[in-house]
C-alpha atoms as a PDB file:
ATOM      1  CA  MET A   1      -4.080  -7.496  24.048  1.00  0.00           C
ATOM      2  CA  ALA A   2      -4.491  -5.030  21.313  1.00  0.00           C
ATOM      3  CA  GLU A   3      -1.793  -2.824  20.202  1.00  0.00           C
ATOM      4  CA  ILE A   4      -2.198   0.813  21.915  1.00  0.00           C
ATOM      5  CA  TYR A   5       0.172   2.696  20.034  1.00  0.00           C
ATOM      6  CA  GLN A   6       1.396   2.535  16.460  1.00  0.00           C
ATOM      7  CA  TYR A   7       4.315   4.458  16.866  1.00  0.00           C
ATOM      8  CA  HIS A   8       6.176   5.608  20.192  1.00  0.00           C
ATOM      9  CA  LEU A   9       8.590   8.535  19.847  1.00  0.00           C
ATOM     10  CA  PHE A  10      11.218   9.223  22.990  1.00  0.00           C
ATOM     11  CA  PHE A  11      12.834  12.617  22.321  1.00  0.00           C
ATOM     12  CA  CYS A  12      15.987  12.496  24.480  1.00  0.00           C
ATOM     13  CA  THR A  13      15.646  16.157  26.433  1.00  0.00           C
ATOM     14  CA  HIS A  14      18.769  15.373  28.444  1.00  0.00           C
ATOM     15  CA  GLU A  15      20.678  17.731  30.215  1.00  0.00           C
ATOM     16  CA  ARG A  16      23.944  17.675  31.811  1.00  0.00           C
ATOM     17  CA  ASN A  17      26.870  20.217  33.222  1.00  0.00           C
ATOM     18  CA  ASP A  18      30.071  18.290  32.634  1.00  0.00           C
ATOM     19  CA  GLY A  19      31.147  19.903  29.317  1.00  0.00           C
ATOM     20  CA  ARG A  20      29.916  17.363  26.990  1.00  0.00           C
ATOM     21  CA  ASP A  21      27.124  17.800  24.584  1.00  0.00           C
ATOM     22  CA  PHE A  22      23.648  17.288  25.182  1.00  0.00           C
ATOM     23  CA  CYS A  23      19.943  17.241  23.202  1.00  0.00           C
ATOM     24  CA  GLN A  24      18.520  19.969  25.464  1.00  0.00           C
ATOM     25  CA  GLN A  25      21.333  22.581  24.317  1.00  0.00           C
ATOM     26  CA  HIS A  26      19.656  22.356  20.771  1.00  0.00           C
ATOM     27  CA  ASP A  27      16.278  23.035  22.231  1.00  0.00           C
ATOM     28  CA  ALA A  28      15.164  19.390  22.330  1.00  0.00           C
ATOM     29  CA  GLN A  29      12.305  19.900  24.655  1.00  0.00           C
ATOM     30  CA  SER A  30      10.502  22.629  22.495  1.00  0.00           C
ATOM     31  CA  LEU A  31      10.841  20.709  19.574  1.00  0.00           C
ATOM     32  CA  ARG A  32       9.432  17.764  21.362  1.00  0.00           C
ATOM     33  CA  ASP A  33       6.533  20.005  22.911  1.00  0.00           C
ATOM     34  CA  TYR A  34       6.096  21.219  18.960  1.00  0.00           C
ATOM     35  CA  ALA A  35       5.870  17.403  17.708  1.00  0.00           C
ATOM     36  CA  LYS A  36       3.290  16.407  20.516  1.00  0.00           C
ATOM     37  CA  GLN A  37       1.027  19.536  19.530  1.00  0.00           C
ATOM     38  CA  ARG A  38       1.529  18.551  15.692  1.00  0.00           C
ATOM     39  CA  VAL A  39       0.483  15.000  16.732  1.00  0.00           C
ATOM     40  CA  LYS A  40      -2.654  16.234  18.531  1.00  0.00           C
ATOM     41  CA  GLU A  41      -3.583  18.639  15.845  1.00  0.00           C
ATOM     42  CA  LEU A  42      -3.416  16.112  13.213  1.00  0.00           C
ATOM     43  CA  SER A  43      -5.632  13.816  15.378  1.00  0.00           C
ATOM     44  CA  LEU A  44      -3.018  11.023  14.833  1.00  0.00           C
ATOM     45  CA  LYS A  45      -4.508   8.916  17.609  1.00  0.00           C
ATOM     46  CA  LYS A  46      -2.264   5.747  18.044  1.00  0.00           C
ATOM     47  CA  ILE A  47       1.170   7.883  18.436  1.00  0.00           C
ATOM     48  CA  ARG A  48       2.525   8.746  21.735  1.00  0.00           C
ATOM     49  CA  VAL A  49       5.330  11.587  21.926  1.00  0.00           C
ATOM     50  CA  ASN A  50       7.151  11.102  25.292  1.00  0.00           C
ATOM     51  CA  ASN A  51      10.430  12.686  26.717  1.00  0.00           C
ATOM     52  CA  ALA A  52      13.460  10.468  27.605  1.00  0.00           C
ATOM     53  CA  GLY A  53      16.321  10.418  29.625  1.00  0.00           C
ATOM     54  CA  CYS A  54      19.930   9.979  27.862  1.00  0.00           C
ATOM     55  CA  LEU A  55      19.788   7.854  24.747  1.00  0.00           C
ATOM     56  CA  ASN A  56      23.686   8.328  24.716  1.00  0.00           C
ATOM     57  CA  ARG A  57      23.899   9.850  21.410  1.00  0.00           C
ATOM     58  CA  CYS A  58      24.018  13.370  22.528  1.00  0.00           C
ATOM     59  CA  ALA A  59      27.031  13.977  20.632  1.00  0.00           C
ATOM     60  CA  LEU A  60      25.247  13.647  17.381  1.00  0.00           C
ATOM     61  CA  GLY A  61      22.781  16.690  18.381  1.00  0.00           C
ATOM     62  CA  PRO A  62      19.146  16.638  19.018  1.00  0.00           C
ATOM     63  CA  MET A  63      18.044  12.953  18.836  1.00  0.00           C
ATOM     64  CA  LEU A  64      14.559  11.278  18.695  1.00  0.00           C
ATOM     65  CA  VAL A  65      13.886   7.430  18.252  1.00  0.00           C
ATOM     66  CA  ILE A  66      10.511   5.825  17.165  1.00  0.00           C
ATOM     67  CA  TYR A  67       9.325   2.331  18.068  1.00  0.00           C
ATOM     68  CA  PRO A  68       8.386  -0.401  17.591  1.00  0.00           C
ATOM     69  CA  GLU A  69      11.071  -0.212  14.571  1.00  0.00           C
ATOM     70  CA  GLY A  70      13.911   1.832  16.623  1.00  0.00           C
ATOM     71  CA  THR A  71      14.298   4.412  13.836  1.00  0.00           C
ATOM     72  CA  TRP A  72      16.827   6.893  14.875  1.00  0.00           C
ATOM     73  CA  TYR A  73      16.375  10.530  13.661  1.00  0.00           C
ATOM     74  CA  GLN A  74      18.516  13.590  14.349  1.00  0.00           C
ATOM     75  CA  TYR A  75      16.643  16.728  13.549  1.00  0.00           C
ATOM     76  CA  GLN A  76      17.327  20.303  13.936  1.00  0.00           C
ATOM     77  CA  THR A  77      13.966  22.395  13.255  1.00  0.00           C
ATOM     78  CA  LYS A  78      10.443  22.337  13.221  1.00  0.00           C
ATOM     79  CA  GLU A  79      10.203  21.561   9.503  1.00  0.00           C
ATOM     80  CA  ASP A  80      12.295  18.611  10.353  1.00  0.00           C
ATOM     81  CA  ILE A  81       9.794  17.218  12.929  1.00  0.00           C
ATOM     82  CA  ASP A  82       7.079  18.097  10.281  1.00  0.00           C
ATOM     83  CA  GLU A  83       8.998  16.143   7.837  1.00  0.00           C
ATOM     84  CA  ILE A  84       9.232  13.084  10.304  1.00  0.00           C
ATOM     85  CA  ILE A  85       5.504  13.351  11.079  1.00  0.00           C
ATOM     86  CA  GLU A  86       4.265  13.309   7.548  1.00  0.00           C
ATOM     87  CA  SER A  87       6.502  10.986   6.180  1.00  0.00           C
ATOM     88  CA  HIS A  88       7.460   8.267   8.725  1.00  0.00           C
ATOM     89  CA  LEU A  89       4.112   8.525  11.167  1.00  0.00           C
ATOM     90  CA  GLN A  90       1.475   9.211   8.493  1.00  0.00           C
ATOM     91  CA  HIS A  91       2.899   7.346   5.515  1.00  0.00           C
ATOM     92  CA  ASP A  92       5.486   4.731   7.013  1.00  0.00           C
ATOM     93  CA  ASN A  93       8.504   5.976   5.025  1.00  0.00           C
ATOM     94  CA  ILE A  94      11.718   6.553   6.861  1.00  0.00           C
ATOM     95  CA  VAL A  95      13.071   9.999   6.403  1.00  0.00           C
ATOM     96  CA  GLU A  96      16.477   8.747   5.296  1.00  0.00           C
ATOM     97  CA  ARG A  97      18.494  12.410   5.626  1.00  0.00           C
ATOM     98  CA  LEU A  98      17.407  12.600   9.223  1.00  0.00           C
ATOM     99  CA  GLN A  99      18.149   8.785  10.246  1.00  0.00           C
ATOM    100  CA  ARG A 100      21.020   8.195  12.339  1.00  0.00           C
END
């Protein structure tokens, strides 16, 4: 069977109410939605953007992981998302400053 996706992005959009940090308190859902919109606008057909439950790294800030290689990123802004899309998804170069 042929590979369907070249990259699969999972954004933690987890929320909790026990006093511990969680990704959604850093606007993770909005930034995930932005990433999905940009991938669509750029017609990047073999890339899938999804929500994920807790990825157990919430204390680091908003997190996403890209498969198949399992590259973890901590991001804060739309500019960080743009850099991940351009560098990693379009040019196969890891964004080392955001890698965790």
